[in-house]
Amino acid sequence: MIEPVGDEHFMRQALREAEQAFKADEVPVGAVVVCAGRIIARAHNLTERLNDVTAHAEMQAITAAANDLGGKYLKDCTLYVTLEPCPMCAGALQWAQVGRIVFGAFDEKAGYRRIGGKMLHPKTQVMGGILEAECADLMRAFFKRKRAL
């Protein structure tokens, strides 16, 4: 289920979404969902704008992708996200049965792996560390800016 254009290409698209979040003073996480080599959903964190702790990039992307496909299962899709999903998002990705997850930066504090990697659907393939430095640098810049205020 490797996307023909390449993981780095689609992760760069997710990074563009994260940059939009950064500009909007949201935690800079971006996501895209790809199906059959085509981006069917784009999203970034909206927790501040919507005043909703569940408005993570992954959650927004799942909803948009399901609407595009006309169904709730994303078995043939790949989610590209700039940060390792949190447990809440991992649970939603499990229910959506996403086929593949590719993430950029690892999240040792709040990522789903810290409570065990068994949260995802058993058939979901996971790859971390794609454009890790760029994804992590954007997060560091955001929190450095926040601490300076």
N, C-alpha and C. Protein backbone atom coordinates (compact mmCIF):
# COMPACT_ATOMS: atom_id res chain seq x y z
N MET A 1 0.82 -1.20 0.00
CA MET A 1 0.00 0.00 0.00
C MET A 1 0.86 1.26 0.00
N ILE A 2 2.11 1.18 -0.43
CA ILE A 2 2.97 2.36 -0.50
C ILE A 2 2.46 3.26 -1.62
N GLU A 3 2.33 4.53 -1.31
CA GLU A 3 1.81 5.49 -2.27
C GLU A 3 2.83 5.72 -3.37
N PRO A 4 2.41 5.75 -4.63
CA PRO A 4 3.35 5.83 -5.74
C PRO A 4 4.17 7.12 -5.80
N VAL A 5 3.64 8.24 -5.38
CA VAL A 5 4.38 9.50 -5.45
C VAL A 5 5.45 9.54 -4.37
N GLY A 6 5.23 8.91 -3.26
CA GLY A 6 6.23 8.84 -2.20
C GLY A 6 5.79 9.49 -0.91
N ASP A 7 6.26 8.88 0.17
CA ASP A 7 5.88 9.35 1.50
C ASP A 7 6.36 10.77 1.78
N GLU A 8 7.56 11.12 1.32
CA GLU A 8 8.06 12.46 1.59
C GLU A 8 7.19 13.53 0.93
N HIS A 9 6.73 13.26 -0.27
CA HIS A 9 5.86 14.23 -0.96
C HIS A 9 4.61 14.51 -0.14
N PHE A 10 3.95 13.46 0.31
CA PHE A 10 2.71 13.65 1.05
C PHE A 10 2.96 14.21 2.44
N MET A 11 4.10 13.87 3.05
CA MET A 11 4.43 14.46 4.36
C MET A 11 4.68 15.96 4.19
N ARG A 12 5.24 16.37 3.08
CA ARG A 12 5.42 17.81 2.84
C ARG A 12 4.06 18.51 2.75
N GLN A 13 3.07 17.83 2.22
CA GLN A 13 1.72 18.40 2.18
C GLN A 13 1.16 18.53 3.60
N ALA A 14 1.42 17.53 4.43
CA ALA A 14 0.99 17.60 5.83
C ALA A 14 1.73 18.75 6.54
N LEU A 15 3.01 18.93 6.23
CA LEU A 15 3.77 20.04 6.81
C LEU A 15 3.18 21.39 6.43
N ARG A 16 2.68 21.51 5.22
CA ARG A 16 2.02 22.76 4.80
C ARG A 16 0.80 23.04 5.69
N GLU A 17 0.07 21.98 5.99
CA GLU A 17 -1.07 22.14 6.91
C GLU A 17 -0.59 22.56 8.29
N ALA A 18 0.49 21.95 8.77
CA ALA A 18 1.03 22.30 10.09
C ALA A 18 1.47 23.76 10.12
N GLU A 19 2.03 24.23 9.02
CA GLU A 19 2.44 25.64 8.95
C GLU A 19 1.23 26.57 9.03
N GLN A 20 0.11 26.17 8.46
CA GLN A 20 -1.12 26.96 8.60
C GLN A 20 -1.55 27.02 10.06
N ALA A 21 -1.45 25.89 10.75
CA ALA A 21 -1.79 25.87 12.18
C ALA A 21 -0.86 26.80 12.95
N PHE A 22 0.43 26.74 12.65
CA PHE A 22 1.42 27.60 13.30
C PHE A 22 1.03 29.06 13.14
N LYS A 23 0.69 29.46 11.92
CA LYS A 23 0.31 30.86 11.65
C LYS A 23 -0.95 31.27 12.39
N ALA A 24 -1.82 30.30 12.65
CA ALA A 24 -3.08 30.57 13.36
C ALA A 24 -2.93 30.42 14.88
N ASP A 25 -1.70 30.25 15.35
CA ASP A 25 -1.39 30.07 16.77
C ASP A 25 -2.01 28.80 17.35
N GLU A 26 -2.13 27.79 16.49
CA GLU A 26 -2.53 26.45 16.91
C GLU A 26 -1.27 25.59 17.03
N VAL A 27 -1.30 24.56 17.85
CA VAL A 27 -0.18 23.62 17.89
C VAL A 27 0.00 23.11 16.46
N PRO A 28 1.20 23.24 15.90
CA PRO A 28 1.39 22.99 14.47
C PRO A 28 1.47 21.51 14.07
N VAL A 29 0.29 20.92 14.01
CA VAL A 29 0.17 19.55 13.52
C VAL A 29 -0.70 19.59 12.28
N GLY A 30 -0.23 18.94 11.22
CA GLY A 30 -0.98 18.89 9.98
C GLY A 30 -1.14 17.45 9.53
N ALA A 31 -2.17 17.23 8.73
CA ALA A 31 -2.45 15.87 8.25
C ALA A 31 -3.06 15.91 6.86
N VAL A 32 -2.77 14.88 6.10
CA VAL A 32 -3.47 14.65 4.83
C VAL A 32 -3.81 13.16 4.76
N VAL A 33 -4.91 12.87 4.09
CA VAL A 33 -5.30 11.48 3.84
C VAL A 33 -5.20 11.25 2.34
N VAL A 34 -4.53 10.17 1.98
CA VAL A 34 -4.30 9.83 0.59
C VAL A 34 -4.97 8.50 0.29
N CYS A 35 -5.68 8.46 -0.83
CA CYS A 35 -6.31 7.23 -1.29
C CYS A 35 -6.08 7.12 -2.80
N ALA A 36 -5.59 5.99 -3.23
CA ALA A 36 -5.31 5.75 -4.65
C ALA A 36 -4.41 6.85 -5.24
N GLY A 37 -3.42 7.29 -4.45
CA GLY A 37 -2.47 8.27 -4.94
C GLY A 37 -2.95 9.70 -4.97
N ARG A 38 -4.13 9.97 -4.40
CA ARG A 38 -4.73 11.30 -4.45
C ARG A 38 -5.07 11.77 -3.04
N ILE A 39 -4.79 13.02 -2.75
CA ILE A 39 -5.15 13.59 -1.45
C ILE A 39 -6.66 13.81 -1.43
N ILE A 40 -7.31 13.16 -0.47
CA ILE A 40 -8.77 13.31 -0.35
C ILE A 40 -9.17 14.15 0.86
N ALA A 41 -8.20 14.44 1.74
CA ALA A 41 -8.50 15.28 2.91
C ALA A 41 -7.24 15.98 3.37
N ARG A 42 -7.41 17.21 3.81
CA ARG A 42 -6.33 18.02 4.39
C ARG A 42 -6.87 18.62 5.68
N ALA A 43 -6.00 18.69 6.69
CA ALA A 43 -6.47 19.25 7.96
C ALA A 43 -5.28 19.68 8.81
N HIS A 44 -5.57 20.54 9.76
CA HIS A 44 -4.60 20.91 10.78
C HIS A 44 -5.34 21.14 12.08
N ASN A 45 -4.59 21.25 13.16
CA ASN A 45 -5.21 21.44 14.46
C ASN A 45 -6.11 22.68 14.46
N LEU A 46 -7.26 22.52 15.08
CA LEU A 46 -8.22 23.63 15.21
C LEU A 46 -8.74 23.74 16.65
N THR A 47 -7.97 23.25 17.61
CA THR A 47 -8.47 23.20 18.98
C THR A 47 -8.73 24.58 19.57
N GLU A 48 -7.88 25.55 19.25
CA GLU A 48 -8.07 26.91 19.77
C GLU A 48 -9.22 27.60 19.06
N ARG A 49 -9.22 27.52 17.75
CA ARG A 49 -10.25 28.20 16.96
C ARG A 49 -11.64 27.68 17.29
N LEU A 50 -11.77 26.37 17.44
CA LEU A 50 -13.07 25.77 17.71
C LEU A 50 -13.35 25.60 19.20
N ASN A 51 -12.35 25.93 20.04
CA ASN A 51 -12.49 25.73 21.48
C ASN A 51 -12.92 24.29 21.77
N ASP A 52 -12.21 23.35 21.15
CA ASP A 52 -12.59 21.94 21.19
C ASP A 52 -11.32 21.10 21.30
N VAL A 53 -11.14 20.43 22.43
CA VAL A 53 -9.93 19.63 22.63
C VAL A 53 -9.85 18.44 21.69
N THR A 54 -10.93 18.07 21.06
CA THR A 54 -10.91 16.93 20.13
C THR A 54 -10.62 17.35 18.69
N ALA A 55 -10.41 18.62 18.44
CA ALA A 55 -10.24 19.11 17.06
C ALA A 55 -8.80 18.97 16.58
N HIS A 56 -8.21 17.80 16.83
CA HIS A 56 -6.86 17.52 16.35
C HIS A 56 -6.87 17.34 14.84
N ALA A 57 -5.71 17.53 14.23
CA ALA A 57 -5.59 17.41 12.78
C ALA A 57 -6.08 16.05 12.29
N GLU A 58 -5.71 14.98 13.00
CA GLU A 58 -6.12 13.64 12.59
C GLU A 58 -7.64 13.48 12.60
N MET A 59 -8.27 14.00 13.64
CA MET A 59 -9.73 13.88 13.76
C MET A 59 -10.42 14.63 12.62
N GLN A 60 -9.91 15.82 12.31
CA GLN A 60 -10.47 16.61 11.22
C GLN A 60 -10.28 15.88 9.89
N ALA A 61 -9.10 15.28 9.71
CA ALA A 61 -8.79 14.57 8.47
C ALA A 61 -9.64 13.31 8.30
N ILE A 62 -9.85 12.58 9.38
CA ILE A 62 -10.70 11.38 9.33
C ILE A 62 -12.09 11.76 8.85
N THR A 63 -12.66 12.79 9.44
CA THR A 63 -14.01 13.22 9.08
C THR A 63 -14.08 13.64 7.62
N ALA A 64 -13.12 14.45 7.19
CA ALA A 64 -13.12 14.92 5.80
C ALA A 64 -12.94 13.76 4.82
N ALA A 65 -12.07 12.82 5.14
CA ALA A 65 -11.84 11.67 4.25
C ALA A 65 -13.08 10.79 4.17
N ALA A 66 -13.70 10.54 5.30
CA ALA A 66 -14.92 9.71 5.31
C ALA A 66 -16.02 10.38 4.48
N ASN A 67 -16.13 11.69 4.59
CA ASN A 67 -17.12 12.41 3.79
C ASN A 67 -16.80 12.30 2.30
N ASP A 68 -15.52 12.41 1.95
CA ASP A 68 -15.12 12.30 0.55
C ASP A 68 -15.44 10.92 0.00
N LEU A 69 -15.16 9.89 0.78
CA LEU A 69 -15.38 8.52 0.32
C LEU A 69 -16.83 8.05 0.45
N GLY A 70 -17.59 8.74 1.27
CA GLY A 70 -18.98 8.33 1.49
C GLY A 70 -19.10 7.13 2.40
N GLY A 71 -18.12 6.92 3.25
CA GLY A 71 -18.15 5.80 4.20
C GLY A 71 -17.16 6.04 5.32
N LYS A 72 -17.37 5.35 6.43
CA LYS A 72 -16.55 5.62 7.62
C LYS A 72 -15.23 4.87 7.67
N TYR A 73 -15.02 3.88 6.83
CA TYR A 73 -13.79 3.10 6.88
C TYR A 73 -12.77 3.60 5.87
N LEU A 74 -11.53 3.69 6.32
CA LEU A 74 -10.44 4.22 5.51
C LEU A 74 -9.39 3.13 5.27
N LYS A 75 -9.85 1.92 5.02
CA LYS A 75 -8.96 0.76 4.86
C LYS A 75 -7.94 0.93 3.76
N ASP A 76 -8.30 1.59 2.69
CA ASP A 76 -7.40 1.74 1.54
C ASP A 76 -6.69 3.08 1.53
N CYS A 77 -6.65 3.75 2.68
CA CYS A 77 -6.08 5.09 2.78
C CYS A 77 -4.82 5.11 3.64
N THR A 78 -4.02 6.13 3.39
CA THR A 78 -2.86 6.42 4.22
C THR A 78 -3.04 7.80 4.83
N LEU A 79 -2.87 7.87 6.15
CA LEU A 79 -2.86 9.15 6.85
C LEU A 79 -1.42 9.59 7.03
N TYR A 80 -1.11 10.78 6.57
CA TYR A 80 0.19 11.40 6.80
C TYR A 80 -0.03 12.49 7.83
N VAL A 81 0.71 12.43 8.93
CA VAL A 81 0.55 13.41 10.00
C VAL A 81 1.93 13.78 10.53
N THR A 82 2.11 15.05 10.85
CA THR A 82 3.44 15.55 11.20
C THR A 82 3.90 15.14 12.59
N LEU A 83 3.01 14.68 13.43
CA LEU A 83 3.36 14.26 14.79
C LEU A 83 2.69 12.93 15.09
N GLU A 84 3.39 12.07 15.79
CA GLU A 84 2.81 10.79 16.21
C GLU A 84 1.44 11.02 16.84
N PRO A 85 0.42 10.29 16.42
CA PRO A 85 -0.92 10.49 16.99
C PRO A 85 -0.97 10.24 18.50
N CYS A 86 -1.82 11.00 19.16
CA CYS A 86 -2.07 10.80 20.59
C CYS A 86 -3.01 9.60 20.76
N PRO A 87 -3.22 9.14 21.99
CA PRO A 87 -4.12 8.01 22.20
C PRO A 87 -5.55 8.25 21.69
N MET A 88 -6.07 9.46 21.84
CA MET A 88 -7.42 9.75 21.35
C MET A 88 -7.48 9.55 19.84
N CYS A 89 -6.52 10.11 19.13
CA CYS A 89 -6.51 10.00 17.68
C CYS A 89 -6.24 8.57 17.24
N ALA A 90 -5.37 7.87 17.95
CA ALA A 90 -5.10 6.47 17.63
C ALA A 90 -6.37 5.64 17.75
N GLY A 91 -7.17 5.92 18.77
CA GLY A 91 -8.44 5.22 18.93
C GLY A 91 -9.37 5.49 17.76
N ALA A 92 -9.45 6.74 17.34
CA ALA A 92 -10.31 7.08 16.19
C ALA A 92 -9.78 6.43 14.91
N LEU A 93 -8.47 6.40 14.77
CA LEU A 93 -7.87 5.76 13.58
C LEU A 93 -8.14 4.25 13.59
N GLN A 94 -8.18 3.67 14.78
CA GLN A 94 -8.51 2.25 14.88
C GLN A 94 -9.95 2.02 14.42
N TRP A 95 -10.87 2.84 14.88
CA TRP A 95 -12.28 2.67 14.48
C TRP A 95 -12.47 2.92 12.99
N ALA A 96 -11.68 3.84 12.43
CA ALA A 96 -11.77 4.13 11.00
C ALA A 96 -11.06 3.06 10.16
N GLN A 97 -10.32 2.18 10.83
CA GLN A 97 -9.60 1.10 10.17
C GLN A 97 -8.67 1.62 9.07
N VAL A 98 -7.99 2.72 9.37
CA VAL A 98 -7.08 3.30 8.38
C VAL A 98 -6.01 2.26 8.02
N GLY A 99 -5.72 2.17 6.73
CA GLY A 99 -4.79 1.15 6.26
C GLY A 99 -3.35 1.39 6.64
N ARG A 100 -2.97 2.66 6.67
CA ARG A 100 -1.56 2.98 6.90
C ARG A 100 -1.46 4.35 7.55
N ILE A 101 -0.53 4.49 8.47
CA ILE A 101 -0.24 5.77 9.12
C ILE A 101 1.23 6.05 8.94
N VAL A 102 1.54 7.24 8.44
CA VAL A 102 2.91 7.70 8.30
C VAL A 102 3.00 9.00 9.09
N PHE A 103 3.90 9.02 10.09
CA PHE A 103 4.03 10.25 10.87
C PHE A 103 5.46 10.75 10.84
N GLY A 104 5.60 12.04 11.14
CA GLY A 104 6.90 12.69 11.10
C GLY A 104 7.64 12.56 12.41
N ALA A 105 7.36 13.46 13.34
CA ALA A 105 8.06 13.49 14.62
C ALA A 105 7.43 12.51 15.61
N PHE A 106 8.30 11.90 16.41
CA PHE A 106 7.83 11.05 17.49
C PHE A 106 7.42 11.94 18.66
N ASP A 107 6.42 11.49 19.43
CA ASP A 107 5.96 12.25 20.58
C ASP A 107 6.10 11.38 21.82
N GLU A 108 7.23 11.53 22.50
CA GLU A 108 7.53 10.69 23.66
C GLU A 108 6.62 11.00 24.84
N LYS A 109 6.10 12.23 24.93
CA LYS A 109 5.26 12.62 26.06
C LYS A 109 3.80 12.23 25.89
N ALA A 110 3.26 12.43 24.68
CA ALA A 110 1.81 12.26 24.51
C ALA A 110 1.43 11.35 23.35
N GLY A 111 2.38 10.69 22.73
CA GLY A 111 2.08 9.81 21.61
C GLY A 111 1.43 8.51 22.06
N TYR A 112 0.71 7.89 21.15
CA TYR A 112 -0.01 6.66 21.49
C TYR A 112 0.92 5.52 21.90
N ARG A 113 2.15 5.51 21.43
CA ARG A 113 3.07 4.42 21.74
C ARG A 113 3.44 4.37 23.22
N ARG A 114 3.32 5.50 23.93
CA ARG A 114 3.72 5.50 25.33
C ARG A 114 2.80 4.65 26.19
N ILE A 115 1.59 4.41 25.73
CA ILE A 115 0.68 3.54 26.49
C ILE A 115 0.52 2.19 25.82
N GLY A 116 1.36 1.93 24.85
CA GLY A 116 1.33 0.64 24.16
C GLY A 116 0.89 0.83 22.73
N GLY A 117 1.54 0.17 21.83
CA GLY A 117 1.26 0.33 20.41
C GLY A 117 0.11 -0.51 19.91
N LYS A 118 -0.67 -1.10 20.79
CA LYS A 118 -1.76 -2.00 20.39
C LYS A 118 -3.08 -1.28 20.16
N MET A 119 -3.07 0.03 20.13
CA MET A 119 -4.32 0.79 20.00
C MET A 119 -4.88 0.82 18.59
N LEU A 120 -4.04 0.60 17.61
CA LEU A 120 -4.46 0.70 16.22
C LEU A 120 -5.07 -0.62 15.74
N HIS A 121 -5.78 -0.54 14.61
CA HIS A 121 -6.34 -1.74 14.00
C HIS A 121 -5.19 -2.69 13.70
N PRO A 122 -5.38 -3.99 13.89
CA PRO A 122 -4.28 -4.94 13.68
C PRO A 122 -3.70 -4.94 12.27
N LYS A 123 -4.46 -4.53 11.29
CA LYS A 123 -3.96 -4.50 9.91
C LYS A 123 -3.31 -3.18 9.52
N THR A 124 -3.39 -2.19 10.39
CA THR A 124 -2.80 -0.89 10.09
C THR A 124 -1.28 -0.96 10.10
N GLN A 125 -0.69 -0.48 9.02
CA GLN A 125 0.77 -0.37 8.94
C GLN A 125 1.18 1.01 9.43
N VAL A 126 2.28 1.08 10.16
CA VAL A 126 2.74 2.36 10.72
C VAL A 126 4.21 2.58 10.39
N MET A 127 4.51 3.80 10.00
CA MET A 127 5.89 4.20 9.76
C MET A 127 6.10 5.59 10.37
N GLY A 128 7.09 5.73 11.20
CA GLY A 128 7.39 7.01 11.82
C GLY A 128 8.74 7.54 11.37
N GLY A 129 8.94 8.83 11.55
CA GLY A 129 10.22 9.45 11.27
C GLY A 129 10.39 10.01 9.88
N ILE A 130 9.33 10.10 9.09
CA ILE A 130 9.42 10.68 7.75
C ILE A 130 9.48 12.21 7.89
N LEU A 131 10.53 12.81 7.39
CA LEU A 131 10.79 14.25 7.54
C LEU A 131 10.74 14.66 9.02
N GLU A 132 11.26 13.78 9.85
CA GLU A 132 11.20 13.97 11.30
C GLU A 132 11.79 15.31 11.73
N ALA A 133 12.95 15.66 11.21
CA ALA A 133 13.61 16.90 11.64
C ALA A 133 12.75 18.12 11.34
N GLU A 134 12.20 18.20 10.13
CA GLU A 134 11.36 19.35 9.76
C GLU A 134 10.10 19.43 10.63
N CYS A 135 9.50 18.29 10.88
CA CYS A 135 8.28 18.26 11.70
C CYS A 135 8.60 18.67 13.14
N ALA A 136 9.68 18.14 13.69
CA ALA A 136 10.06 18.46 15.07
C ALA A 136 10.49 19.92 15.19
N ASP A 137 11.20 20.44 14.19
CA ASP A 137 11.65 21.83 14.23
C ASP A 137 10.47 22.80 14.30
N LEU A 138 9.42 22.51 13.55
CA LEU A 138 8.23 23.37 13.57
C LEU A 138 7.59 23.37 14.96
N MET A 139 7.51 22.20 15.59
CA MET A 139 6.96 22.11 16.94
C MET A 139 7.82 22.89 17.93
N ARG A 140 9.15 22.70 17.84
CA ARG A 140 10.05 23.42 18.75
C ARG A 140 9.92 24.93 18.58
N ALA A 141 9.82 25.39 17.34
CA ALA A 141 9.68 26.83 17.09
C ALA A 141 8.38 27.36 17.70
N PHE A 142 7.33 26.59 17.59
CA PHE A 142 6.04 27.01 18.15
C PHE A 142 6.14 27.18 19.66
N PHE A 143 6.65 26.17 20.34
CA PHE A 143 6.71 26.23 21.80
C PHE A 143 7.76 27.22 22.29
N LYS A 144 8.81 27.43 21.53
CA LYS A 144 9.78 28.48 21.89
C LYS A 144 9.11 29.84 21.81
N ARG A 145 8.31 30.06 20.78
CA ARG A 145 7.57 31.32 20.64
C ARG A 145 6.58 31.49 21.80
N LYS A 146 5.92 30.41 22.17
CA LYS A 146 4.95 30.49 23.28
C LYS A 146 5.64 30.84 24.60
N ARG A 147 6.79 30.23 24.84
CA ARG A 147 7.53 30.51 26.09
C ARG A 147 8.04 31.94 26.13
N ALA A 148 8.31 32.54 24.97
CA ALA A 148 8.83 33.91 24.91
C ALA A 148 7.76 34.94 25.21
N LEU A 149 6.51 34.56 25.10
CA LEU A 149 5.42 35.54 25.34
C LEU A 149 5.19 35.82 26.79
